[in-house]
Amino acid sequence: MKNFRTLLLIAVLTLGFNTVQAQTKVGHISTDLLISLMPETKALNTELEKLSKTYESELKAEQAKLEAKLKKYTAEQASQTDEVNQQRGAEVEQDRQNLYQASQVAQQDITKKRNEKLKPILEKAKKAIDEIASAEGYTYVLEASTLIVANGTDLLPSVKTKLGIQ
């Protein structure tokens, strides 16, 4: 009798889990691909590339000034006192540090601008995915890049259509 109750309980639980599984609809999407296809992302990349080139040209100009100064100091080294040469060496080293710091600041600025402008793009993509998932009755939407087997429905075409991406 006790075994019968246990078997009955297991049967009810198994049927209950099957009912829950039957109601679950799972889809997948490559958010990286979606975001890379969005026109906002393309505009952002163009803007960041332009900013990067601006910083790069400024840094190259400063590098050229530093190299010219170093060449001049090296040529005049024999005709200068040790004290002057030490001061010049310290000056060149300080200029190198300033150049390095400027490159770090430029990199941080580019990263900050990228993160700032990428946030609304990510939010727009997530909203579109949520709307498609709700409209089509998906309980779960998984990231396609983390799946080993992705035989389910790919939501990318539907989300691209919603966002007006060709």
C-alpha atoms as a PDB file:
ATOM      1  CA  MET A   1       0.000   0.000   0.000  1.00  0.00           C
ATOM      2  CA  LYS A   2       2.833   2.357   0.901  1.00  0.00           C
ATOM      3  CA  ASN A   3       4.611   1.513  -2.374  1.00  0.00           C
ATOM      4  CA  PHE A   4       1.402   2.190  -4.283  1.00  0.00           C
ATOM      5  CA  ARG A   5       1.118   5.682  -2.751  1.00  0.00           C
ATOM      6  CA  THR A   6       4.755   6.421  -3.627  1.00  0.00           C
ATOM      7  CA  LEU A   7       4.240   5.252  -7.208  1.00  0.00           C
ATOM      8  CA  LEU A   8       1.074   7.310  -7.472  1.00  0.00           C
ATOM      9  CA  LEU A   9       2.894  10.395  -6.156  1.00  0.00           C
ATOM     10  CA  ILE A  10       5.744   9.888  -8.652  1.00  0.00           C
ATOM     11  CA  ALA A  11       3.232   9.478 -11.507  1.00  0.00           C
ATOM     12  CA  VAL A  12       1.397  12.686 -10.553  1.00  0.00           C
ATOM     13  CA  LEU A  13       4.650  14.636 -10.295  1.00  0.00           C
ATOM     14  CA  THR A  14       5.888  13.297 -13.636  1.00  0.00           C
ATOM     15  CA  LEU A  15       2.645  14.229 -15.362  1.00  0.00           C
ATOM     16  CA  GLY A  16       2.768  17.650 -13.720  1.00  0.00           C
ATOM     17  CA  PHE A  17       6.319  18.272 -15.015  1.00  0.00           C
ATOM     18  CA  ASN A  18       5.339  17.158 -18.505  1.00  0.00           C
ATOM     19  CA  THR A  19       2.449  19.642 -18.463  1.00  0.00           C
ATOM     20  CA  VAL A  20       4.817  22.442 -17.402  1.00  0.00           C
ATOM     21  CA  GLN A  21       7.305  21.483 -20.115  1.00  0.00           C
ATOM     22  CA  ALA A  22       4.588  21.444 -22.757  1.00  0.00           C
ATOM     23  CA  GLN A  23       3.742  25.065 -21.923  1.00  0.00           C
ATOM     24  CA  THR A  24       7.350  26.268 -22.101  1.00  0.00           C
ATOM     25  CA  LYS A  25       8.444  27.791 -25.409  1.00  0.00           C
ATOM     26  CA  VAL A  26      12.149  28.484 -25.860  1.00  0.00           C
ATOM     27  CA  GLY A  27      13.837  30.567 -28.548  1.00  0.00           C
ATOM     28  CA  HIS A  28      17.342  31.865 -29.127  1.00  0.00           C
ATOM     29  CA  ILE A  29      18.994  34.932 -30.621  1.00  0.00           C
ATOM     30  CA  SER A  30      22.501  36.216 -31.228  1.00  0.00           C
ATOM     31  CA  THR A  31      22.389  39.614 -29.538  1.00  0.00           C
ATOM     32  CA  ASP A  32      25.921  40.446 -30.712  1.00  0.00           C
ATOM     33  CA  LEU A  33      24.874  39.944 -34.323  1.00  0.00           C
ATOM     34  CA  LEU A  34      21.653  41.894 -33.800  1.00  0.00           C
ATOM     35  CA  ILE A  35      23.478  44.835 -32.235  1.00  0.00           C
ATOM     36  CA  SER A  36      26.139  44.837 -34.956  1.00  0.00           C
ATOM     37  CA  LEU A  37      23.389  45.052 -37.615  1.00  0.00           C
ATOM     38  CA  MET A  38      21.616  47.997 -36.001  1.00  0.00           C
ATOM     39  CA  PRO A  39      22.157  51.338 -37.807  1.00  0.00           C
ATOM     40  CA  GLU A  40      22.766  53.058 -34.459  1.00  0.00           C
ATOM     41  CA  THR A  41      25.740  50.772 -33.852  1.00  0.00           C
ATOM     42  CA  LYS A  42      27.172  51.512 -37.281  1.00  0.00           C
ATOM     43  CA  ALA A  43      26.865  55.260 -36.611  1.00  0.00           C
ATOM     44  CA  LEU A  44      28.472  54.812 -33.203  1.00  0.00           C
ATOM     45  CA  ASN A  45      31.396  52.901 -34.707  1.00  0.00           C
ATOM     46  CA  THR A  46      31.919  55.638 -37.310  1.00  0.00           C
ATOM     47  CA  GLU A  47      31.868  58.308 -34.604  1.00  0.00           C
ATOM     48  CA  LEU A  48      34.302  56.398 -32.387  1.00  0.00           C
ATOM     49  CA  GLU A  49      36.625  55.747 -35.326  1.00  0.00           C
ATOM     50  CA  LYS A  50      36.693  59.472 -36.113  1.00  0.00           C
ATOM     51  CA  LEU A  51      37.413  60.329 -32.460  1.00  0.00           C
ATOM     52  CA  SER A  52      40.116  57.673 -32.317  1.00  0.00           C
ATOM     53  CA  LYS A  53      41.831  59.081 -35.419  1.00  0.00           C
ATOM     54  CA  THR A  54      41.724  62.577 -33.917  1.00  0.00           C
ATOM     55  CA  TYR A  55      43.399  61.375 -30.728  1.00  0.00           C
ATOM     56  CA  GLU A  56      45.868  59.318 -32.734  1.00  0.00           C
ATOM     57  CA  SER A  57      46.961  62.297 -34.851  1.00  0.00           C
ATOM     58  CA  GLU A  58      47.345  64.479 -31.743  1.00  0.00           C
ATOM     59  CA  LEU A  59      49.416  61.821 -30.008  1.00  0.00           C
ATOM     60  CA  LYS A  60      51.587  61.312 -33.094  1.00  0.00           C
ATOM     61  CA  ALA A  61      52.259  65.057 -33.247  1.00  0.00           C
ATOM     62  CA  GLU A  62      53.313  65.045 -29.590  1.00  0.00           C
ATOM     63  CA  GLN A  63      55.469  61.971 -30.212  1.00  0.00           C
ATOM     64  CA  ALA A  64      57.187  63.752 -33.115  1.00  0.00           C
ATOM     65  CA  LYS A  65      57.881  66.801 -30.909  1.00  0.00           C
ATOM     66  CA  LEU A  66      59.357  64.537 -28.243  1.00  0.00           C
ATOM     67  CA  GLU A  67      61.575  62.749 -30.768  1.00  0.00           C
ATOM     68  CA  ALA A  68      62.794  66.085 -32.189  1.00  0.00           C
ATOM     69  CA  LYS A  69      63.602  67.322 -28.690  1.00  0.00           C
ATOM     70  CA  LEU A  70      65.426  64.084 -27.879  1.00  0.00           C
ATOM     71  CA  LYS A  71      67.437  64.307 -31.121  1.00  0.00           C
ATOM     72  CA  LYS A  72      68.380  67.920 -30.369  1.00  0.00           C
ATOM     73  CA  TYR A  73      69.395  67.112 -26.792  1.00  0.00           C
ATOM     74  CA  THR A  74      71.423  64.106 -27.937  1.00  0.00           C
ATOM     75  CA  ALA A  75      73.285  66.231 -30.511  1.00  0.00           C
ATOM     76  CA  GLU A  76      74.040  68.916 -27.908  1.00  0.00           C
ATOM     77  CA  GLN A  77      74.883  66.476 -25.129  1.00  0.00           C
ATOM     78  CA  ALA A  78      78.696  66.717 -25.536  1.00  0.00           C
ATOM     79  CA  SER A  79      78.680  70.530 -25.376  1.00  0.00           C
ATOM     80  CA  GLN A  80      76.506  70.713 -22.222  1.00  0.00           C
ATOM     81  CA  THR A  81      77.370  70.265 -18.568  1.00  0.00           C
ATOM     82  CA  ASP A  82      76.349  67.160 -16.664  1.00  0.00           C
ATOM     83  CA  GLU A  83      73.822  69.195 -14.710  1.00  0.00           C
ATOM     84  CA  VAL A  84      72.133  70.485 -17.895  1.00  0.00           C
ATOM     85  CA  ASN A  85      72.146  66.987 -19.405  1.00  0.00           C
ATOM     86  CA  GLN A  86      70.489  65.572 -16.262  1.00  0.00           C
ATOM     87  CA  GLN A  87      67.845  68.300 -16.371  1.00  0.00           C
ATOM     88  CA  ARG A  88      67.206  67.587 -20.034  1.00  0.00           C
ATOM     89  CA  GLY A  89      67.001  63.842 -19.346  1.00  0.00           C
ATOM     90  CA  ALA A  90      64.443  64.478 -16.601  1.00  0.00           C
ATOM     91  CA  GLU A  91      62.516  66.788 -18.952  1.00  0.00           C
ATOM     92  CA  VAL A  92      62.421  64.137 -21.696  1.00  0.00           C
ATOM     93  CA  GLU A  93      61.318  61.500 -19.202  1.00  0.00           C
ATOM     94  CA  GLN A  94      58.550  63.816 -17.942  1.00  0.00           C
ATOM     95  CA  ASP A  95      57.427  64.413 -21.547  1.00  0.00           C
ATOM     96  CA  ARG A  96      57.304  60.635 -22.114  1.00  0.00           C
ATOM     97  CA  GLN A  97      55.178  60.193 -19.004  1.00  0.00           C
ATOM     98  CA  ASN A  98      52.845  62.984 -20.141  1.00  0.00           C
ATOM     99  CA  LEU A  99      52.511  61.372 -23.566  1.00  0.00           C
ATOM    100  CA  TYR A 100      51.719  58.002 -21.981  1.00  0.00           C
ATOM    101  CA  GLN A 101      49.136  59.589 -19.688  1.00  0.00           C
ATOM    102  CA  ALA A 102      47.569  61.420 -22.630  1.00  0.00           C
ATOM    103  CA  SER A 103      47.224  58.121 -24.506  1.00  0.00           C
ATOM    104  CA  GLN A 104      45.622  56.527 -21.442  1.00  0.00           C
ATOM    105  CA  VAL A 105      43.173  59.432 -21.084  1.00  0.00           C
ATOM    106  CA  ALA A 106      42.307  59.202 -24.786  1.00  0.00           C
ATOM    107  CA  GLN A 107      41.639  55.461 -24.481  1.00  0.00           C
ATOM    108  CA  GLN A 108      39.479  56.001 -21.393  1.00  0.00           C
ATOM    109  CA  ASP A 109      37.546  58.776 -23.133  1.00  0.00           C
ATOM    110  CA  ILE A 110      36.840  56.559 -26.147  1.00  0.00           C
ATOM    111  CA  THR A 111      35.724  53.701 -23.883  1.00  0.00           C
ATOM    112  CA  LYS A 112      33.507  56.034 -21.838  1.00  0.00           C
ATOM    113  CA  LYS A 113      31.849  57.474 -24.952  1.00  0.00           C
ATOM    114  CA  ARG A 114      31.346  53.968 -26.367  1.00  0.00           C
ATOM    115  CA  ASN A 115      29.704  52.701 -23.180  1.00  0.00           C
ATOM    116  CA  GLU A 116      27.587  55.852 -22.871  1.00  0.00           C
ATOM    117  CA  LYS A 117      26.252  55.630 -26.414  1.00  0.00           C
ATOM    118  CA  LEU A 118      25.947  51.842 -26.473  1.00  0.00           C
ATOM    119  CA  LYS A 119      23.586  51.746 -23.488  1.00  0.00           C
ATOM    120  CA  PRO A 120      20.484  53.031 -25.353  1.00  0.00           C
ATOM    121  CA  ILE A 121      21.277  50.722 -28.276  1.00  0.00           C
ATOM    122  CA  LEU A 122      21.363  47.717 -25.937  1.00  0.00           C
ATOM    123  CA  GLU A 123      18.125  48.833 -24.298  1.00  0.00           C
ATOM    124  CA  LYS A 124      16.417  49.183 -27.686  1.00  0.00           C
ATOM    125  CA  ALA A 125      17.568  45.693 -28.714  1.00  0.00           C
ATOM    126  CA  LYS A 126      16.403  44.166 -25.432  1.00  0.00           C
ATOM    127  CA  LYS A 127      13.026  45.883 -25.691  1.00  0.00           C
ATOM    128  CA  ALA A 128      12.535  44.547 -29.224  1.00  0.00           C
ATOM    129  CA  ILE A 129      13.515  41.021 -28.128  1.00  0.00           C
ATOM    130  CA  ASP A 130      11.096  41.234 -25.176  1.00  0.00           C
ATOM    131  CA  GLU A 131       8.272  42.435 -27.419  1.00  0.00           C
ATOM    132  CA  ILE A 132       8.812  39.664 -29.997  1.00  0.00           C
ATOM    133  CA  ALA A 133       9.124  37.022 -27.266  1.00  0.00           C
ATOM    134  CA  SER A 134       5.873  38.187 -25.659  1.00  0.00           C
ATOM    135  CA  ALA A 135       4.034  38.464 -28.967  1.00  0.00           C
ATOM    136  CA  GLU A 136       5.098  34.986 -30.080  1.00  0.00           C
ATOM    137  CA  GLY A 137       4.600  33.362 -26.668  1.00  0.00           C
ATOM    138  CA  TYR A 138       8.201  32.543 -25.743  1.00  0.00           C
ATOM    139  CA  THR A 139       8.825  31.827 -22.096  1.00  0.00           C
ATOM    140  CA  TYR A 140      12.609  31.867 -22.451  1.00  0.00           C
ATOM    141  CA  VAL A 141      14.978  33.454 -24.956  1.00  0.00           C
ATOM    142  CA  LEU A 142      18.561  32.244 -24.761  1.00  0.00           C
ATOM    143  CA  GLU A 143      21.770  33.768 -26.088  1.00  0.00           C
ATOM    144  CA  ALA A 144      22.670  31.764 -29.208  1.00  0.00           C
ATOM    145  CA  SER A 145      26.441  32.071 -28.722  1.00  0.00           C
ATOM    146  CA  THR A 146      26.301  30.081 -25.485  1.00  0.00           C
ATOM    147  CA  LEU A 147      24.300  27.190 -26.929  1.00  0.00           C
ATOM    148  CA  ILE A 148      25.961  24.013 -28.092  1.00  0.00           C
ATOM    149  CA  VAL A 149      22.861  22.875 -29.978  1.00  0.00           C
ATOM    150  CA  ALA A 150      20.328  25.457 -31.122  1.00  0.00           C
ATOM    151  CA  ASN A 151      17.536  23.551 -32.844  1.00  0.00           C
ATOM    152  CA  GLY A 152      14.882  25.894 -31.485  1.00  0.00           C
ATOM    153  CA  THR A 153      13.465  29.012 -33.093  1.00  0.00           C
ATOM    154  CA  ASP A 154      15.885  31.794 -33.968  1.00  0.00           C
ATOM    155  CA  LEU A 155      14.222  35.109 -33.116  1.00  0.00           C
ATOM    156  CA  LEU A 156      16.775  37.213 -35.028  1.00  0.00           C
ATOM    157  CA  PRO A 157      14.709  37.528 -38.237  1.00  0.00           C
ATOM    158  CA  SER A 158      11.606  38.633 -36.297  1.00  0.00           C
ATOM    159  CA  VAL A 159      13.532  41.146 -34.184  1.00  0.00           C
ATOM    160  CA  LYS A 160      15.326  42.522 -37.267  1.00  0.00           C
ATOM    161  CA  THR A 161      11.954  43.067 -38.929  1.00  0.00           C
ATOM    162  CA  LYS A 162      10.616  44.781 -35.801  1.00  0.00           C
ATOM    163  CA  LEU A 163      13.620  47.130 -35.764  1.00  0.00           C
ATOM    164  CA  GLY A 164      13.426  47.744 -39.514  1.00  0.00           C
ATOM    165  CA  ILE A 165      16.802  46.147 -40.249  1.00  0.00           C
ATOM    166  CA  GLN A 166      17.304  44.502 -43.652  1.00  0.00           C
END
